[in-house]
Protein backbone atom coordinates (compact mmCIF):
# COMPACT_ATOMS: atom_id res chain seq x y z
CA MET A 1 28.56 33.61 38.55
CA ARG A 2 24.96 33.18 39.00
CA PHE A 3 22.61 32.16 36.68
CA THR A 4 18.40 33.06 37.26
CA ARG A 5 16.39 30.10 36.52
CA TYR A 6 13.64 31.04 34.01
CA SER A 7 10.19 29.37 33.68
CA TYR A 8 8.25 28.96 30.72
CA LEU A 9 4.50 28.03 30.14
CA ALA A 10 3.45 24.98 27.75
CA ILE A 11 2.36 26.06 24.39
CA ALA A 12 -1.37 25.42 24.52
CA SER A 13 -2.60 23.00 22.29
CA VAL A 14 -5.11 24.29 19.67
CA LEU A 15 -8.61 22.59 19.58
CA SER A 16 -9.20 21.82 16.47
CA LEU A 17 -13.15 22.87 15.35
CA SER A 18 -15.19 20.81 12.72
CA LEU A 19 -16.19 23.46 9.92
CA PHE A 20 -19.27 22.91 8.45
CA VAL A 21 -20.43 23.97 5.15
CA GLN A 22 -23.90 24.55 4.78
CA GLY A 23 -24.74 22.58 1.15
CA VAL A 24 -28.04 22.05 -0.60
CA GLY A 25 -30.85 21.45 1.60
CA GLY A 26 -28.89 22.31 4.56
CA ALA A 27 -26.73 19.58 4.77
CA ALA A 28 -23.30 19.91 6.92
CA ALA A 29 -20.04 18.39 6.11
CA ALA A 30 -17.22 17.82 8.58
CA HIS A 31 -13.59 18.08 8.54
CA PRO A 32 -11.88 15.58 11.06
CA ALA A 33 -9.14 16.53 13.38
CA ALA A 34 -5.78 15.70 12.43
CA ALA A 35 -4.47 12.58 14.30
CA LYS A 36 -2.32 12.75 17.04
CA LEU A 37 0.73 11.43 18.03
CA SER A 38 0.89 9.00 20.73
CA GLY A 39 3.07 5.89 22.17
CA LYS A 40 6.80 6.95 21.98
CA ILE A 41 8.84 9.45 19.82
CA ILE A 42 12.47 7.76 19.23
CA ILE A 43 15.05 9.82 18.22
CA GLY A 44 18.55 8.08 17.92
CA GLN A 45 21.44 10.81 18.58
CA ILE A 46 24.97 9.90 17.26
CA THR A 47 27.79 11.99 18.64
CA SER A 48 31.54 11.60 19.98
CA MET A 49 31.04 10.32 23.92
CA SER A 50 34.66 9.94 24.52
CA GLY A 51 38.05 11.00 22.87
CA ALA A 52 39.08 13.84 21.32
CA PHE A 53 35.88 15.16 20.20
CA SER A 54 33.70 14.25 23.35
CA PRO A 55 33.51 17.95 24.89
CA TYR A 56 31.75 18.94 21.54
CA GLY A 57 29.57 15.59 21.91
CA THR A 58 28.27 16.39 25.77
CA GLU A 59 27.37 19.73 24.65
CA GLN A 60 25.13 18.32 21.69
CA ILE A 61 23.89 15.96 23.85
CA ASP A 62 22.93 18.57 26.67
CA GLY A 63 21.96 21.50 24.71
CA PHE A 64 19.09 18.94 22.80
CA GLN A 65 17.70 18.15 26.07
CA ALA A 66 17.56 21.66 26.86
CA GLY A 67 15.86 22.07 23.43
CA LEU A 68 13.65 19.52 23.91
CA HIS A 69 12.57 20.63 27.06
CA TYR A 70 11.93 24.35 25.97
CA ALA A 71 10.30 23.29 22.77
CA THR A 72 7.76 20.85 25.01
CA GLY A 73 7.11 23.29 27.63
CA GLY A 74 8.85 20.84 30.07
CA SER A 75 6.48 18.09 29.03
CA MET A 76 8.97 16.06 26.64
CA LYS A 77 5.92 15.12 24.49
CA VAL A 78 4.12 15.91 21.50
CA ASP A 79 0.45 15.58 21.60
CA ASN A 80 0.40 12.23 23.61
CA ALA A 81 3.78 10.45 23.01
CA LYS A 82 6.50 10.58 24.69
CA ILE A 83 10.22 12.19 23.29
CA VAL A 84 12.66 9.43 24.46
CA VAL A 85 16.20 9.98 23.06
CA LYS A 86 18.78 7.21 22.91
CA THR A 87 22.43 8.03 22.41
CA TYR A 88 25.41 6.22 20.14
CA THR A 89 29.08 7.01 19.96
CA ASP A 90 30.82 7.07 16.58
CA VAL A 91 34.10 6.98 18.51
CA PRO A 92 35.40 3.14 18.38
CA SER A 93 36.09 1.28 21.90
CA SER A 94 39.38 0.97 20.85
CA GLY A 95 39.96 4.57 19.69
CA THR A 96 39.83 8.50 20.40
CA LEU A 97 38.65 9.98 16.96
CA PRO A 98 35.04 9.63 15.26
CA ASP A 99 34.80 7.06 12.87
CA THR A 100 32.50 7.11 9.91
CA PRO A 101 31.68 3.27 9.92
CA THR A 102 31.08 3.39 13.59
CA ALA A 103 28.79 6.25 13.05
CA VAL A 104 27.09 4.57 10.40
CA THR A 105 26.33 1.41 12.26
CA ALA A 106 25.07 3.27 15.25
CA ALA A 107 22.69 5.19 12.87
CA LYS A 108 21.55 1.80 11.31
CA THR A 109 21.43 0.01 15.19
CA ALA A 110 19.08 3.39 16.09
CA ILE A 111 16.47 2.36 13.36
CA GLN A 112 16.84 -1.48 12.92
CA GLN A 113 17.03 -2.16 16.10
CA ASP A 114 15.72 0.32 18.83
CA HIS A 115 13.27 1.87 16.01
CA ALA A 116 14.31 5.37 15.83
CA GLN A 117 11.72 7.35 14.11
CA ILE A 118 14.12 10.51 13.69
CA LEU A 119 18.04 10.94 13.93
CA GLN A 120 20.49 13.85 15.25
CA CYS A 121 23.92 13.71 14.64
CA CYS A 122 27.36 14.36 14.86
CA ALA A 123 30.51 16.34 16.44
CA SER A 124 32.29 15.14 13.50
CA SER A 125 31.05 16.19 9.99
CA ALA A 126 32.89 12.88 8.63
CA SER A 127 30.41 10.69 10.96
CA ALA A 128 27.74 13.15 9.90
CA ILE A 129 28.24 12.65 6.07
CA GLY A 130 27.96 8.62 6.91
CA VAL A 131 24.92 9.04 9.08
CA ALA A 132 23.35 11.40 6.04
CA THR A 133 23.47 7.93 4.01
CA VAL A 134 21.48 6.05 6.28
CA ALA A 135 19.09 8.72 7.03
CA ALA A 136 18.45 8.23 2.83
CA GLN A 137 18.31 4.70 2.68
CA PHE A 138 16.14 4.25 5.74
CA LYS A 139 14.04 7.69 4.60
CA LYS A 140 14.40 9.47 8.12
CA ILE A 141 14.65 12.80 9.31
CA LEU A 142 18.02 13.47 10.18
CA MET A 143 18.61 16.96 12.03
CA VAL A 144 22.44 17.66 11.68
CA ALA A 145 24.14 19.49 14.77
CA PRO A 146 27.15 20.71 14.92
CA ALA A 147 29.03 19.53 12.28
CA ALA A 148 30.03 22.03 9.88
CA ASP A 149 30.99 20.72 6.70
CA ASP A 150 29.97 22.66 3.46
CA SER A 151 29.03 18.90 1.59
CA LEU A 152 26.25 18.57 3.94
CA ALA A 153 23.89 21.31 2.27
CA GLY A 154 21.70 19.43 -0.26
CA ILE A 155 23.40 15.80 0.50
CA ASN A 156 19.77 14.56 0.42
CA ARG A 157 16.23 15.70 0.96
CA TYR A 158 15.93 13.64 4.39
CA THR A 159 19.03 15.80 6.07
CA PHE A 160 18.84 19.63 7.42
CA ARG A 161 20.89 21.22 9.98
CA THR A 162 20.81 23.62 12.59
CA SER A 163 24.63 24.15 12.33
CA ARG A 164 26.33 26.73 10.80
CA GLU A 165 28.40 25.57 7.73
CA SER A 166 32.01 26.34 6.70
CA THR A 167 31.15 28.87 4.27
CA GLN A 168 28.95 30.77 6.70
CA ASP A 169 32.15 31.12 8.83
CA ALA A 170 34.12 32.27 5.67
CA LEU A 171 31.67 34.96 5.43
CA THR A 172 31.21 36.02 8.79
CA GLY A 173 35.47 36.36 8.89
CA ALA A 174 36.99 36.65 5.63
CA LYS A 175 36.60 40.24 4.86
CA TYR A 176 37.26 41.52 8.05
CA ALA A 177 40.53 39.75 7.90
CA VAL A 178 41.16 41.09 5.00
CA GLN A 179 40.45 44.64 6.02
CA LYS A 180 42.45 44.95 9.27
CA PHE A 181 45.41 42.30 8.32
CA GLY A 182 46.32 41.98 4.57
CA LYS A 183 45.66 40.10 1.39
CA LYS A 184 48.52 37.26 2.00
CA TYR A 185 47.56 34.73 4.18
CA VAL A 186 48.53 31.08 4.82
CA ALA A 187 45.48 28.42 5.57
CA LEU A 188 46.70 25.92 8.69
CA ALA A 189 44.07 23.24 9.25
CA GLN A 190 43.23 19.69 10.09
CA ASP A 191 43.45 17.18 7.27
CA TYR A 192 39.70 15.93 7.60
CA ALA A 193 36.56 16.67 6.42
CA PHE A 194 35.75 19.55 8.40
CA GLY A 195 39.51 21.48 8.05
CA HIS A 196 39.60 20.80 3.82
CA GLY A 197 35.87 22.22 3.96
CA GLN A 198 37.00 25.24 5.76
CA VAL A 199 39.95 26.00 3.58
CA ASP A 200 38.01 25.59 0.21
CA ALA A 201 35.16 28.31 1.91
CA TRP A 202 37.48 30.44 3.05
CA LYS A 203 39.69 30.66 0.23
CA ALA A 204 36.45 31.08 -2.33
CA GLN A 205 35.59 34.20 -0.20
CA LEU A 206 39.31 35.45 -0.03
CA ASP A 207 39.65 34.51 -3.66
CA LYS A 208 36.70 37.36 -4.31
CA LEU A 209 38.74 39.87 -2.01
CA GLY A 210 41.69 39.09 -4.05
CA ALA A 211 43.75 37.93 -1.22
CA THR A 212 46.67 35.38 -2.35
CA ASP A 213 46.97 32.09 -0.74
CA ALA A 214 51.01 31.73 0.20
CA ASP A 215 50.59 28.18 1.28
CA SER A 216 47.45 25.48 2.70
CA ILE A 217 48.89 23.29 5.31
CA PHE A 218 47.03 20.14 6.53
CA PHE A 219 48.07 18.24 9.89
CA PRO A 220 46.68 14.66 10.67
CA LEU A 221 44.53 14.53 13.71
CA THR A 222 46.73 12.67 15.54
CA ALA A 223 49.56 15.03 15.20
CA THR A 224 51.61 16.01 18.21
CA ASP A 225 54.58 17.59 16.65
CA PHE A 226 53.49 21.33 14.88
CA THR A 227 57.47 21.65 14.20
CA PRO A 228 57.12 21.07 10.52
CA TYR A 229 54.37 22.77 9.72
CA ILE A 230 54.77 25.88 11.63
CA GLN A 231 58.13 25.78 10.09
CA ARG A 232 56.12 26.26 6.38
CA ILE A 233 54.10 29.36 8.12
CA LEU A 234 57.48 31.08 8.82
CA ALA A 235 58.83 30.52 5.99
CA ALA A 236 55.69 31.87 3.82
CA LYS A 237 55.78 35.05 6.18
CA PRO A 238 52.11 35.95 5.35
CA ASP A 239 50.08 38.96 6.70
CA TRP A 240 47.89 36.36 8.54
CA VAL A 241 47.40 32.40 9.31
CA PHE A 242 43.35 31.20 9.46
CA LEU A 243 43.50 28.08 11.71
CA ALA A 244 40.80 25.50 11.00
CA CYS A 245 40.99 23.29 14.37
CA ALA A 246 38.40 21.31 16.39
CA GLY A 247 39.06 19.30 19.40
CA THR A 248 41.28 18.45 21.98
CA GLN A 249 44.21 18.58 19.83
CA CYS A 250 43.62 22.44 19.42
CA VAL A 251 45.26 23.24 22.56
CA SER A 252 48.47 21.50 21.96
CA LEU A 253 48.84 23.40 18.53
CA ALA A 254 48.05 26.72 20.38
CA LYS A 255 51.17 26.49 22.67
CA ALA A 256 53.30 25.20 19.68
CA LEU A 257 52.28 28.44 17.67
CA ASP A 258 53.33 30.83 20.50
CA ALA A 259 56.25 28.80 21.87
CA GLN A 260 57.53 28.84 17.98
CA GLY A 261 57.00 32.75 17.22
CA VAL A 262 53.96 32.30 15.24
CA LEU A 263 52.29 34.67 17.18
CA ASP A 264 55.04 37.46 17.60
CA SER A 265 55.37 37.62 13.57
CA THR A 266 51.86 37.52 12.50
CA HIS A 267 48.39 37.46 13.10
CA VAL A 268 46.05 34.53 13.24
CA MET A 269 42.12 34.11 12.77
CA THR A 270 40.62 31.30 13.92
CA GLY A 271 36.93 30.10 15.46
CA LEU A 272 36.34 31.24 19.01
CA GLY A 273 36.12 27.23 20.40
CA ASN A 274 34.29 26.03 23.51
CA ILE A 275 35.28 27.94 26.90
CA ALA A 276 37.59 25.25 28.00
CA SER A 277 39.66 25.94 24.71
CA PHE A 278 40.23 29.76 25.75
CA GLY A 279 43.13 29.87 27.81
CA GLY A 280 45.05 27.94 25.03
CA TYR A 281 46.91 30.61 23.65
CA GLY A 282 47.58 32.14 27.21
CA ASP A 283 47.82 35.55 26.86
CA ALA A 284 48.73 35.49 23.66
CA GLY A 285 45.28 35.06 22.61
CA THR A 286 44.29 38.34 23.48
CA LYS A 287 45.75 39.39 20.31
CA LEU A 288 43.78 36.89 18.19
CA ALA A 289 40.54 37.41 15.71
CA TYR A 290 38.09 35.19 16.22
CA ILE A 291 34.83 34.14 14.25
CA SER A 292 32.28 33.29 16.84
CA VAL A 293 29.33 30.72 16.60
CA TYR A 294 28.09 31.33 20.00
CA TYR A 295 29.20 32.69 23.44
CA TYR A 296 26.64 32.61 25.64
CA LYS A 297 26.78 36.64 26.83
CA PHE A 298 26.08 37.62 23.20
CA PRO A 299 22.70 37.08 22.41
CA LYS A 300 19.68 38.44 24.24
CA THR A 301 16.83 36.20 23.66
CA ALA A 302 14.40 34.40 25.51
CA ALA A 303 15.74 31.30 24.33
CA ASN A 304 19.36 31.83 25.48
CA LYS A 305 18.03 33.03 28.58
CA TYR A 306 16.38 29.28 29.39
CA LEU A 307 19.56 27.46 27.67
CA VAL A 308 21.97 29.51 29.78
CA SER A 309 19.71 28.39 33.12
CA TYR A 310 19.32 24.98 31.94
CA ILE A 311 22.40 24.18 31.44
CA GLN A 312 24.05 25.67 34.44
CA LYS A 313 21.13 24.08 36.86
CA HIS A 314 21.31 20.91 35.19
CA TYR A 315 25.02 20.27 34.30
CA HIS A 316 26.95 23.14 36.44
CA ARG A 317 28.50 24.74 33.82
CA PRO A 318 28.33 27.82 31.30
CA ALA A 319 26.08 27.10 28.03
CA ASP A 320 28.71 26.45 24.98
CA ILE A 321 29.33 26.72 21.97
CA PHE A 322 27.62 23.59 20.57
CA ASP A 323 24.64 23.56 22.90
CA GLN A 324 22.90 26.27 20.71
CA ASP A 325 22.70 24.52 17.42
CA SER A 326 21.69 21.53 19.41
CA PHE A 327 19.00 23.42 21.20
CA ALA A 328 17.81 24.85 17.70
CA ALA A 329 17.66 21.16 16.61
CA ALA A 330 15.41 20.09 19.11
CA GLN A 331 13.09 23.40 18.68
CA GLN A 332 12.98 22.20 15.00
CA ILE A 333 12.12 18.93 15.52
CA VAL A 334 9.33 19.59 17.93
CA ALA A 335 8.10 22.62 15.73
CA ALA A 336 7.66 19.97 12.83
CA LEU A 337 6.45 17.25 14.76
CA GLN A 338 3.66 19.87 16.05
CA LYS A 339 2.60 20.93 12.78
CA THR A 340 2.20 17.63 11.11
CA HIS A 341 1.51 14.99 14.07
CA SER A 342 3.44 12.39 12.45
CA THR A 343 7.39 11.13 12.41
CA ALA A 344 6.68 10.49 8.68
CA ALA A 345 9.87 11.84 6.51
CA SER A 346 7.62 12.59 3.96
CA LYS A 347 5.58 15.36 6.13
CA MET A 348 8.26 16.35 7.92
CA ILE A 349 10.23 17.50 5.24
CA LYS A 350 7.41 19.65 3.76
CA ALA A 351 7.00 21.40 7.33
CA LEU A 352 11.03 21.51 8.12
CA GLU A 353 11.47 23.10 4.59
CA GLY A 354 11.56 26.96 4.91
CA GLN A 355 10.69 26.42 9.10
CA THR A 356 12.29 29.42 11.26
CA VAL A 357 12.44 28.64 15.28
CA GLN A 358 13.47 31.59 17.47
CA GLY A 359 16.15 30.08 18.90
CA PRO A 360 19.41 30.88 21.52
CA LYS A 361 20.83 33.35 18.79
CA GLY A 362 17.63 34.45 17.00
CA PRO A 363 15.97 33.34 14.26
CA TYR A 364 17.14 29.82 12.72
CA THR A 365 15.75 29.33 9.12
CA ILE A 366 15.94 26.02 7.21
CA ARG A 367 16.20 27.17 3.45
CA LYS A 368 13.97 25.15 1.86
CA GLN A 369 16.32 24.71 -1.51
CA ASP A 370 18.91 22.58 0.19
CA HIS A 371 18.34 22.47 3.97
CA VAL A 372 20.88 24.99 5.33
CA CYS A 373 20.33 26.95 8.30
CA LEU A 374 20.70 30.49 8.00
CA GLN A 375 21.75 31.91 11.47
CA PRO A 376 23.23 34.66 12.86
CA MET A 377 27.30 34.71 13.64
CA TYR A 378 29.91 37.11 15.43
CA ILE A 379 33.17 38.21 15.47
CA ALA A 380 34.75 38.51 19.07
CA ALA A 381 37.95 38.74 21.09
CA LEU A 382 39.22 37.52 24.12
CA GLN A 383 40.07 39.59 27.05
CA GLY A 384 41.96 38.40 30.71
CA SER A 385 45.19 37.04 31.52
CA GLY A 386 46.83 34.20 32.81
CA THR A 387 44.09 31.19 32.45
CA THR A 388 40.77 33.40 33.14
CA PHE A 389 39.51 34.63 29.45
CA THR A 390 36.33 36.16 28.40
CA ALA A 391 34.82 36.64 25.07
CA LYS A 392 34.13 40.06 23.87
CA LEU A 393 32.06 40.96 21.07
CA LEU A 394 32.61 43.30 18.35
CA ALA A 395 30.63 42.53 15.89
CA THR A 396 27.18 40.45 14.94
CA ARG A 397 26.84 39.12 11.80
CA SER A 398 22.64 38.96 10.98
CA PRO A 399 21.59 36.03 8.66
CA LYS A 400 21.35 38.08 5.80
CA GLN A 401 25.31 38.76 5.72
CA THR A 402 26.35 35.44 6.00
CA THR A 403 24.02 33.43 3.67
CA PRO A 404 25.81 31.14 1.33
CA PRO A 405 25.30 30.66 -2.07
CA ILE A 406 22.16 27.57 -2.49
CA GLN A 407 23.97 24.56 -3.26
CA LYS A 408 22.93 21.93 -5.80
CA ARG A 409 20.57 19.68 -4.40
CA ASN A 410 20.85 15.61 -4.76
CA TRP A 411 17.31 14.86 -4.91
């Protein structure tokens, strides 16, 4: 598949004109131009650089770079200041899973040793929650993508996001599932912040639709034998299964669900993962329903054309699920810097609250009240066979259709 490279003109700087007000006796008063940024703007980026979440970490890193280039017209500068991104892992050297204490240490290192003025994280929701406490402690802006847990909404005044949250997933898919499959369901999810957040969010929406939770099943991130959990699904005999899973573990789980008959006996609705995961269910994957955060062929926007072209040219792969929200994270940060000419959190907060950027999926608006990012979402299916699958767009959900309730702020 060929990708066309798109060139974009840098946004012209707006010249500050002194305003002269005619006073008594003809005296003129001048308002000085805003101070310009200079030196370096250091952004500390925390993500999973190895282990189970590393594919998402790669997308976070790559998409953020693409977004910075797009937002700065290729200069990687705001005013006269060069943007420098320093990346840190939240995976311990002896482990394969994200670790909250490791993420917290990385964030503190970024700020205290490497002088980061802004933070951006994480592939793991648990890591993002930990880093949010550091952002508040040191009064630094944190822009979250791709972590999805609802508890990040309103967690503190310094934490913003361009990732969607779990309730937006539920608002995208719950009504569709009940109408298509029925009201009796089982939730199957990973036993950590993301999994619990997804189940809670979906249950809240499904309860409103009169659906019945036949069982809620959680399995550890280290699980390799899924038989006990699958037996509970088969015993419950639901109309459908809601599956919340992220990372490389999902491929093994998908194969086990297929091998033990779940995909033959009931419907499954889940999130459409990264492109590498499309073949995890084999041909049975074409029978599943998916809520989709992003697939590179769905949006028809200038930003998405740039993202797709940039990722293909620089990393030799299609743009993937979490390239887009880290791209938008970069856009939001750069737009706030351009407005304020400052990295001071107090000034950036005022700029970010209510700010909209036209990102890969369209408008990404940071809600002032709790810093949730309102954005389009999708419902999709897979088509293909063997190991070759592509996503098919079934429906687009507008930001208005997927707007979650405002969360109580913790500031």
